[in-house]
Amino acid sequence: MLFTLLQVTARATLILFTGRRWLFWLTALLHKPPSIPTAPTPTSAVLIVVPFYNERTALPACLQAINQLAYPMIGLTVLLVDDGSTDDSGRVAQTFASSIPHWAYLRLPTNVGKAAALNEAIRHYPHSPFLVVYDADERPQPDSLRHLLAGFTDERVGGVTGRRVISNGLKSAAATYATYENLVHQRITCQAKDSLHLYPPLLGSNCAYRLTALDAVGGFRPGAVLEDSDLTVRLARVGWQTRYLPQAISTTTAPETWVGYVAQHRRWARGFGEVLSSEFRVSRGGGQVSGFTFQVSGLLARLELFLFATGYLDRLALAVVMLGWLIQHRRPPHAPRTTHHVISLTLLTPLMQIITALWLEKSAAAYWFRLIILPFFFLLDILTASLGIGQSLLGIIQGRRLRD
């Protein structure tokens, strides 16, 4: 009985997530995106923060790119936050900061994590109305900052994220698969969610925040693994919109080994587990966040925020369904035909999205030839995410038992 209930629940989860993917795919193809604001003449003061920890190799190119942003220097403050680095990163940052007007260097005595480091930056420089974040491996294009800030012409917008293009996608199979994921996430998912006003996720780097919106949710949550996803949900809960503006472009890098890929995705799964745990705590508390009422309107928007917070739950559901199919396939009664159809549709839908994203991107032929790697990385993705979300769900259950 328990096995059957688990299988039915997992199949229903897959159908829900697959329907969500189809909605985003069709929207990205057929729906006219919202109007993209024209980048205005820069007038607002902006605080750019570059938090880093042991980034000696990546930091110089990032800082050179920031120094070439097409924005009046007098309206710009650039703060380089050394999160307790133990390598030569601090010296590199200090050299840049001391040689460029309106740049500053802040060293934190210990490694406190990105979210807490950003809070420290705001505490030291609280007067700019907008905060822009670039990670050390980011290379923003000169006009990207102006495009990011154009998203704030609507006073309801609390966060804007730009497009992050992977620059090393052909260096290895792992980097290629990460590029496929990146293209689907931004070309299809983020674009569709922006078109449907479903709170496109903030991407953590090459993104901007309105300081009043951050104040409304109490800033970045210290210790958050995915401070960007956490903020996406928290901002939405108190009535702030988010935007995805693909013309605000920066380049970044992806892990080039499967070990690096696994480590990154386990961290993401753990981060989504934290977001989901936060969702449960808020729901039990009556929908209150920092004294504000839960203001998300519309059933679809509320459902999407919850599904977004669950992160990789569909991978775990797929692993459960596939395991059940293997068990039932070896002994009667055999798995129902609906299980075959659900598994097939669940696996073919991401493939369809990848092909569409490559077509929209007009990707090089090499990316098309490398589609052969998909079965291995699909399996690796499912296993890694399932382990990560499974551990997170156990943590949520244990946490609730302790609170009860």
Protein backbone atom coordinates (compact mmCIF):
# COMPACT_ATOMS: atom_id res chain seq x y z
CA MET A 1 0.00 0.00 0.00
CA LEU A 2 2.77 2.44 0.96
CA PHE A 3 4.74 1.51 -2.18
CA THR A 4 1.70 2.18 -4.38
CA LEU A 5 1.00 5.52 -2.69
CA LEU A 6 4.63 6.55 -3.13
CA GLN A 7 4.54 5.62 -6.82
CA VAL A 8 1.27 7.49 -7.43
CA THR A 9 2.61 10.59 -5.67
CA ALA A 10 5.87 10.47 -7.63
CA ARG A 11 4.03 10.05 -10.95
CA ALA A 12 1.73 12.98 -10.13
CA THR A 13 4.78 15.09 -9.29
CA LEU A 14 6.39 14.27 -12.62
CA ILE A 15 3.22 15.10 -14.53
CA LEU A 16 2.99 18.45 -12.74
CA PHE A 17 6.63 19.37 -13.42
CA THR A 18 6.45 18.17 -17.02
CA GLY A 19 3.33 20.26 -17.61
CA ARG A 20 5.23 23.22 -16.16
CA ARG A 21 8.10 22.63 -18.58
CA TRP A 22 5.66 22.50 -21.52
CA LEU A 23 4.04 25.76 -20.40
CA PHE A 24 7.42 27.49 -20.34
CA TRP A 25 8.48 25.94 -23.66
CA LEU A 26 5.31 27.04 -25.44
CA THR A 27 5.46 30.52 -23.89
CA ALA A 28 9.08 31.02 -24.90
CA LEU A 29 8.20 30.02 -28.47
CA LEU A 30 4.81 31.66 -28.94
CA HIS A 31 4.28 34.40 -26.40
CA LYS A 32 5.49 37.89 -27.14
CA PRO A 33 7.83 38.86 -24.29
CA PRO A 34 7.02 41.95 -22.22
CA SER A 35 8.41 45.18 -23.56
CA ILE A 36 12.07 45.64 -22.71
CA PRO A 37 12.80 49.06 -21.27
CA THR A 38 15.29 51.21 -23.13
CA ALA A 39 18.45 51.69 -21.12
CA PRO A 40 18.10 55.23 -19.75
CA THR A 41 20.75 57.87 -19.45
CA PRO A 42 22.48 56.91 -16.19
CA THR A 43 21.35 59.12 -13.33
CA SER A 44 21.01 56.89 -10.25
CA ALA A 45 23.76 56.22 -7.77
CA VAL A 46 24.71 52.54 -7.78
CA LEU A 47 26.69 50.36 -5.40
CA ILE A 48 28.47 47.51 -7.17
CA VAL A 49 29.65 44.76 -4.84
CA VAL A 50 32.11 42.02 -5.78
CA PRO A 51 32.23 39.45 -2.96
CA PHE A 52 35.10 37.00 -3.29
CA TYR A 53 36.91 34.24 -1.45
CA ASN A 54 40.22 32.90 -2.78
CA GLU A 55 39.69 34.11 -6.35
CA ARG A 56 43.21 35.18 -7.26
CA THR A 57 43.00 33.80 -10.79
CA ALA A 58 39.52 35.00 -11.75
CA LEU A 59 39.44 38.40 -10.02
CA PRO A 60 41.61 40.59 -12.32
CA ALA A 61 39.52 39.99 -15.48
CA CYS A 62 36.31 40.61 -13.52
CA LEU A 63 37.55 43.92 -12.14
CA GLN A 64 38.83 45.04 -15.54
CA ALA A 65 35.40 44.34 -17.04
CA ILE A 66 33.67 46.31 -14.27
CA ASN A 67 36.06 49.22 -14.84
CA GLN A 68 34.92 49.33 -18.48
CA LEU A 69 31.19 49.56 -17.71
CA ALA A 70 29.48 52.36 -19.61
CA TYR A 71 28.30 54.30 -16.57
CA PRO A 72 29.33 57.70 -15.18
CA MET A 73 32.03 57.10 -12.60
CA ILE A 74 30.63 59.80 -10.34
CA GLY A 75 27.43 57.78 -9.88
CA LEU A 76 29.24 54.55 -9.23
CA THR A 77 30.72 53.05 -6.07
CA VAL A 78 32.52 49.73 -6.44
CA LEU A 79 33.15 47.78 -3.24
CA LEU A 80 35.40 44.73 -3.29
CA VAL A 81 34.52 42.53 -0.32
CA ASP A 82 37.21 40.06 0.69
CA ASP A 83 35.37 37.30 2.54
CA GLY A 84 38.39 36.19 4.57
CA SER A 85 40.52 35.00 1.63
CA THR A 86 43.67 33.04 2.44
CA ASP A 87 45.34 33.49 -0.96
CA ASP A 88 46.58 36.59 -2.77
CA SER A 89 43.10 37.81 -3.74
CA GLY A 90 43.11 40.60 -1.18
CA ARG A 91 46.28 42.16 -2.53
CA VAL A 92 44.90 42.10 -6.08
CA ALA A 93 41.68 43.76 -4.93
CA GLN A 94 43.49 46.37 -2.87
CA THR A 95 45.66 47.30 -5.85
CA PHE A 96 42.60 47.90 -8.03
CA ALA A 97 40.67 49.75 -5.33
CA SER A 98 43.54 52.11 -4.51
CA SER A 99 44.12 53.08 -8.14
CA ILE A 100 40.54 53.82 -9.30
CA PRO A 101 38.36 56.66 -7.96
CA HIS A 102 35.17 55.60 -6.15
CA TRP A 103 36.46 52.08 -5.62
CA ALA A 104 36.94 50.65 -2.13
CA TYR A 105 38.18 47.48 -0.49
CA LEU A 106 36.63 45.82 2.56
CA ARG A 107 38.22 42.82 4.23
CA LEU A 108 36.18 40.62 6.54
CA PRO A 109 38.25 38.92 9.26
CA THR A 110 36.67 35.48 8.69
CA ASN A 111 34.82 33.71 5.92
CA VAL A 112 31.13 34.44 6.57
CA GLY A 113 29.62 33.43 3.22
CA LYS A 114 28.32 35.46 0.32
CA ALA A 115 24.98 36.48 1.85
CA ALA A 116 26.53 37.85 5.05
CA ALA A 117 29.30 39.54 3.04
CA LEU A 118 26.69 41.38 0.96
CA ASN A 119 24.92 42.51 4.13
CA GLU A 120 28.22 43.90 5.38
CA ALA A 121 28.65 45.78 2.11
CA ILE A 122 25.23 47.41 2.48
CA ARG A 123 25.97 48.29 6.10
CA HIS A 124 29.12 50.14 5.06
CA TYR A 125 27.57 51.84 2.00
CA PRO A 126 23.81 52.16 2.64
CA HIS A 127 23.07 55.30 0.63
CA SER A 128 22.84 54.06 -2.97
CA PRO A 129 19.29 53.15 -4.05
CA PHE A 130 20.49 50.14 -6.07
CA LEU A 131 22.84 47.27 -5.33
CA VAL A 132 24.47 45.35 -8.20
CA VAL A 133 26.29 42.05 -7.59
CA TYR A 134 29.00 40.49 -9.72
CA ASP A 135 30.78 37.29 -8.71
CA ALA A 136 34.52 37.06 -9.30
CA ASP A 137 34.10 34.83 -12.37
CA GLU A 138 31.71 37.31 -14.01
CA ARG A 139 32.64 39.41 -17.06
CA PRO A 140 29.88 42.00 -17.63
CA GLN A 141 29.62 43.60 -21.04
CA PRO A 142 30.06 47.40 -21.04
CA ASP A 143 26.35 48.20 -21.47
CA SER A 144 25.03 45.48 -19.14
CA LEU A 145 24.72 47.72 -16.09
CA ARG A 146 22.58 50.27 -17.90
CA HIS A 147 20.29 47.50 -19.12
CA LEU A 148 19.99 46.03 -15.62
CA LEU A 149 18.96 49.36 -14.13
CA ALA A 150 16.40 49.88 -16.91
CA GLY A 151 14.35 47.15 -15.26
CA PHE A 152 13.67 49.42 -12.29
CA THR A 153 11.62 51.94 -14.27
CA ASP A 154 8.65 50.05 -12.84
CA GLU A 155 8.47 50.96 -9.15
CA ARG A 156 7.07 47.52 -8.29
CA VAL A 157 10.30 45.78 -9.37
CA GLY A 158 12.59 44.82 -6.50
CA GLY A 159 15.15 42.69 -8.34
CA VAL A 160 16.45 42.40 -11.90
CA THR A 161 18.62 39.68 -13.32
CA GLY A 162 20.53 39.73 -16.58
CA ARG A 163 21.72 36.97 -18.84
CA ARG A 164 24.76 34.89 -17.87
CA VAL A 165 26.48 33.32 -20.88
CA ILE A 166 28.87 30.40 -20.32
CA SER A 167 32.17 31.10 -22.07
CA ASN A 168 33.89 27.70 -21.69
CA GLY A 169 31.06 25.48 -22.88
CA LEU A 170 33.20 23.45 -25.29
CA LYS A 171 36.11 22.85 -22.93
CA SER A 172 34.71 19.54 -21.67
CA ALA A 173 31.62 17.35 -21.65
CA ALA A 174 30.66 18.63 -18.19
CA ALA A 175 30.91 22.25 -19.33
CA THR A 176 28.85 21.45 -22.42
CA TYR A 177 26.06 19.89 -20.36
CA ALA A 178 26.15 22.88 -18.00
CA THR A 179 25.73 25.07 -21.08
CA TYR A 180 22.65 23.10 -22.13
CA GLU A 181 21.20 23.62 -18.65
CA ASN A 182 22.07 27.32 -18.76
CA LEU A 183 20.44 27.82 -22.16
CA VAL A 184 17.22 26.06 -21.15
CA HIS A 185 17.06 27.89 -17.84
CA GLN A 186 17.48 31.34 -19.35
CA ARG A 187 16.31 31.07 -22.98
CA ILE A 188 13.15 29.19 -22.00
CA THR A 189 12.39 29.17 -18.27
CA CYS A 190 13.46 32.69 -17.25
CA GLN A 191 12.13 34.25 -20.46
CA ALA A 192 8.79 32.49 -20.11
CA LYS A 193 8.42 33.37 -16.43
CA ASP A 194 9.15 37.01 -17.24
CA SER A 195 6.53 36.94 -20.00
CA LEU A 196 3.95 35.36 -17.68
CA HIS A 197 4.84 37.61 -14.71
CA LEU A 198 5.75 34.56 -12.64
CA TYR A 199 8.73 35.99 -10.78
CA PRO A 200 11.75 34.98 -12.88
CA PRO A 201 14.52 33.82 -10.55
CA LEU A 202 17.38 36.09 -9.61
CA LEU A 203 20.65 34.48 -10.72
CA GLY A 204 22.94 35.70 -7.94
CA SER A 205 25.43 37.48 -10.19
CA ASN A 206 24.91 40.04 -12.93
CA CYS A 207 21.81 41.03 -10.99
CA ALA A 208 20.57 44.16 -9.24
CA TYR A 209 18.38 44.88 -6.23
CA ARG A 210 16.39 47.88 -5.08
CA LEU A 211 17.61 48.70 -1.57
CA THR A 212 14.12 49.44 -0.29
CA ALA A 213 13.06 45.96 -1.43
CA LEU A 214 16.00 44.38 0.38
CA ASP A 215 15.12 46.34 3.49
CA ALA A 216 11.55 45.05 3.29
CA VAL A 217 12.73 41.44 3.66
CA GLY A 218 15.56 42.09 6.09
CA GLY A 219 18.40 41.85 3.58
CA PHE A 220 20.20 38.69 2.53
CA ARG A 221 19.63 35.71 4.80
CA PRO A 222 23.00 34.94 6.46
CA GLY A 223 24.22 31.46 5.69
CA ALA A 224 21.90 30.99 2.70
CA VAL A 225 23.52 28.69 0.14
CA LEU A 226 21.37 30.10 -2.67
CA GLU A 227 20.82 33.66 -1.51
CA ASP A 228 19.44 34.55 -4.96
CA SER A 229 16.70 31.89 -4.99
CA ASP A 230 15.90 32.60 -1.37
CA LEU A 231 15.45 36.30 -2.18
CA THR A 232 13.34 35.57 -5.26
CA VAL A 233 10.73 33.88 -3.05
CA ARG A 234 10.99 36.34 -0.16
CA LEU A 235 10.65 39.39 -2.40
CA ALA A 236 7.63 37.87 -4.12
CA ARG A 237 6.00 37.12 -0.80
CA VAL A 238 5.99 40.78 0.20
CA GLY A 239 4.74 42.04 -3.15
CA TRP A 240 7.91 42.88 -5.11
CA GLN A 241 8.26 41.84 -8.75
CA THR A 242 11.41 40.45 -10.37
CA ARG A 243 12.48 40.81 -13.99
CA TYR A 244 14.74 38.91 -16.40
CA LEU A 245 16.37 41.20 -18.97
CA PRO A 246 18.43 39.12 -21.44
CA GLN A 247 20.06 42.16 -23.05
CA ALA A 248 22.05 42.74 -19.81
CA ILE A 249 24.75 40.22 -20.70
CA SER A 250 27.76 38.95 -18.84
CA THR A 251 29.92 35.89 -19.36
CA THR A 252 30.83 33.32 -16.74
CA THR A 253 32.37 29.84 -16.56
CA ALA A 254 31.02 26.37 -15.83
CA PRO A 255 32.68 23.42 -14.05
CA GLU A 256 34.89 21.52 -16.48
CA THR A 257 34.95 18.17 -14.66
CA TRP A 258 32.12 15.86 -13.68
CA VAL A 259 33.37 16.07 -10.07
CA GLY A 260 32.97 19.85 -10.16
CA TYR A 261 29.55 19.44 -11.76
CA VAL A 262 28.40 17.08 -9.01
CA ALA A 263 29.72 19.36 -6.27
CA GLN A 264 27.94 22.37 -7.78
CA HIS A 265 24.61 20.56 -8.16
CA ARG A 266 24.73 19.08 -4.68
CA ARG A 267 25.24 22.59 -3.33
CA TRP A 268 22.30 23.84 -5.41
CA ALA A 269 20.11 20.98 -4.18
CA ARG A 270 21.05 21.80 -0.59
CA GLY A 271 20.27 25.45 -1.25
CA PHE A 272 16.83 24.68 -2.65
CA GLY A 273 16.22 22.52 0.40
CA GLU A 274 16.84 25.59 2.55
CA VAL A 275 14.43 27.63 0.43
CA LEU A 276 11.78 24.91 0.72
CA SER A 277 12.32 24.70 4.48
CA SER A 278 11.84 28.46 4.70
CA GLU A 279 8.60 28.11 2.70
CA PHE A 280 7.26 25.59 5.20
CA ARG A 281 8.18 27.81 8.15
CA VAL A 282 6.47 30.81 6.57
CA SER A 283 3.36 28.79 5.72
CA ARG A 284 3.06 27.51 9.28
CA GLY A 285 3.49 31.03 10.57
CA GLY A 286 0.46 32.30 8.67
CA GLY A 287 2.28 33.78 5.69
CA GLN A 288 4.16 36.52 7.53
CA VAL A 289 7.65 37.62 6.48
CA SER A 290 9.35 40.39 8.46
CA GLY A 291 5.98 41.84 9.40
CA PHE A 292 4.61 41.91 5.84
CA THR A 293 1.56 40.04 4.58
CA PHE A 294 1.80 37.32 1.94
CA GLN A 295 0.87 39.37 -1.13
CA VAL A 296 1.38 37.04 -4.08
CA SER A 297 -1.81 37.13 -6.12
CA GLY A 298 -3.06 34.46 -8.48
CA LEU A 299 -3.17 30.69 -8.11
CA LEU A 300 -0.63 30.12 -10.90
CA ALA A 301 1.87 32.53 -9.32
CA ARG A 302 1.54 30.89 -5.91
CA LEU A 303 1.90 27.42 -7.39
CA GLU A 304 4.95 28.45 -9.40
CA LEU A 305 6.68 29.95 -6.36
CA PHE A 306 6.14 26.70 -4.48
CA LEU A 307 7.38 24.55 -7.37
CA PHE A 308 10.40 26.83 -7.77
CA ALA A 309 11.18 26.45 -4.06
CA THR A 310 11.10 22.64 -4.36
CA GLY A 311 14.07 22.87 -6.73
CA TYR A 312 15.02 19.39 -7.90
CA LEU A 313 12.05 17.51 -6.47
CA ASP A 314 11.16 16.30 -9.96
CA ARG A 315 14.51 14.49 -10.17
CA LEU A 316 13.80 12.69 -6.92
CA ALA A 317 10.32 11.78 -8.16
CA LEU A 318 11.79 10.45 -11.42
CA ALA A 319 14.28 8.31 -9.48
CA VAL A 320 11.43 6.89 -7.37
CA VAL A 321 9.27 6.13 -10.43
CA MET A 322 12.15 4.53 -12.33
CA LEU A 323 13.10 2.41 -9.33
CA GLY A 324 9.48 1.31 -8.96
CA TRP A 325 9.30 0.51 -12.66
CA LEU A 326 12.43 -1.67 -12.42
CA ILE A 327 11.05 -3.54 -9.40
CA GLN A 328 7.63 -4.11 -10.96
CA HIS A 329 9.12 -5.00 -14.32
CA ARG A 330 10.94 -7.96 -12.77
CA ARG A 331 7.89 -9.47 -11.11
CA PRO A 332 4.13 -9.47 -11.67
CA PRO A 333 2.04 -7.45 -11.69
CA HIS A 334 4.02 -5.49 -14.21
CA ALA A 335 4.21 -1.70 -14.07
CA PRO A 336 1.16 -0.06 -15.67
CA ARG A 337 1.58 1.42 -19.13
CA THR A 338 0.97 4.89 -17.69
CA THR A 339 4.29 4.57 -15.85
CA HIS A 340 6.10 3.95 -19.15
CA HIS A 341 4.42 6.98 -20.69
CA VAL A 342 5.23 9.23 -17.71
CA ILE A 343 8.90 8.22 -17.72
CA SER A 344 9.20 8.65 -21.49
CA LEU A 345 7.54 12.07 -21.49
CA THR A 346 9.60 13.21 -18.49
CA LEU A 347 12.85 12.28 -20.24
CA LEU A 348 11.92 13.56 -23.70
CA THR A 349 10.65 16.98 -22.56
CA PRO A 350 14.07 18.28 -21.39
CA LEU A 351 15.57 17.00 -24.65
CA MET A 352 12.97 18.97 -26.57
CA GLN A 353 13.81 22.06 -24.51
CA ILE A 354 17.54 21.67 -25.10
CA ILE A 355 17.06 21.35 -28.86
CA THR A 356 14.80 24.40 -28.87
CA ALA A 357 17.27 26.44 -26.81
CA LEU A 358 20.15 25.50 -29.13
CA TRP A 359 18.03 26.56 -32.10
CA LEU A 360 17.06 29.86 -30.50
CA GLU A 361 20.69 30.52 -29.61
CA LYS A 362 21.92 29.57 -33.10
CA SER A 363 24.55 27.48 -31.33
CA ALA A 364 27.69 26.18 -32.98
CA ALA A 365 27.58 22.75 -34.62
CA ALA A 366 29.80 21.33 -31.88
CA TYR A 367 26.98 21.71 -29.35
CA TRP A 368 24.64 19.71 -31.58
CA PHE A 369 27.17 16.92 -32.05
CA ARG A 370 27.69 16.67 -28.29
CA LEU A 371 24.04 15.87 -27.60
CA ILE A 372 25.31 12.29 -27.42
CA ILE A 373 26.49 12.99 -23.85
CA LEU A 374 22.96 13.61 -22.62
CA PRO A 375 22.11 10.08 -21.35
CA PHE A 376 25.14 9.97 -19.03
CA PHE A 377 24.62 13.46 -17.64
CA PHE A 378 20.85 13.01 -17.36
CA LEU A 379 21.55 10.04 -15.10
CA LEU A 380 24.25 11.91 -13.17
CA ASP A 381 21.92 14.88 -12.76
CA ILE A 382 19.08 12.68 -11.49
CA LEU A 383 21.30 10.83 -8.99
CA THR A 384 23.06 13.95 -7.70
CA ALA A 385 19.92 16.04 -7.35
CA SER A 386 17.96 13.16 -5.80
CA LEU A 387 20.60 12.65 -3.13
CA GLY A 388 20.78 16.37 -2.44
CA ILE A 389 17.03 16.99 -2.23
CA GLY A 390 16.56 13.76 -0.27
CA GLN A 391 19.04 14.94 2.35
CA SER A 392 17.34 18.34 2.43
CA LEU A 393 13.89 16.81 2.92
CA LEU A 394 15.21 14.68 5.78
CA GLY A 395 16.65 17.84 7.31
CA ILE A 396 13.28 19.59 7.01
CA ILE A 397 11.49 16.66 8.67
CA GLN A 398 14.03 16.48 11.49
CA GLY A 399 13.87 20.25 11.98
CA ARG A 400 10.07 20.19 12.25
CA ARG A 401 10.23 17.36 14.77
CA LEU A 402 12.67 19.35 16.91
CA ARG A 403 10.43 22.45 16.74
CA ASP A 404 7.35 20.38 17.61
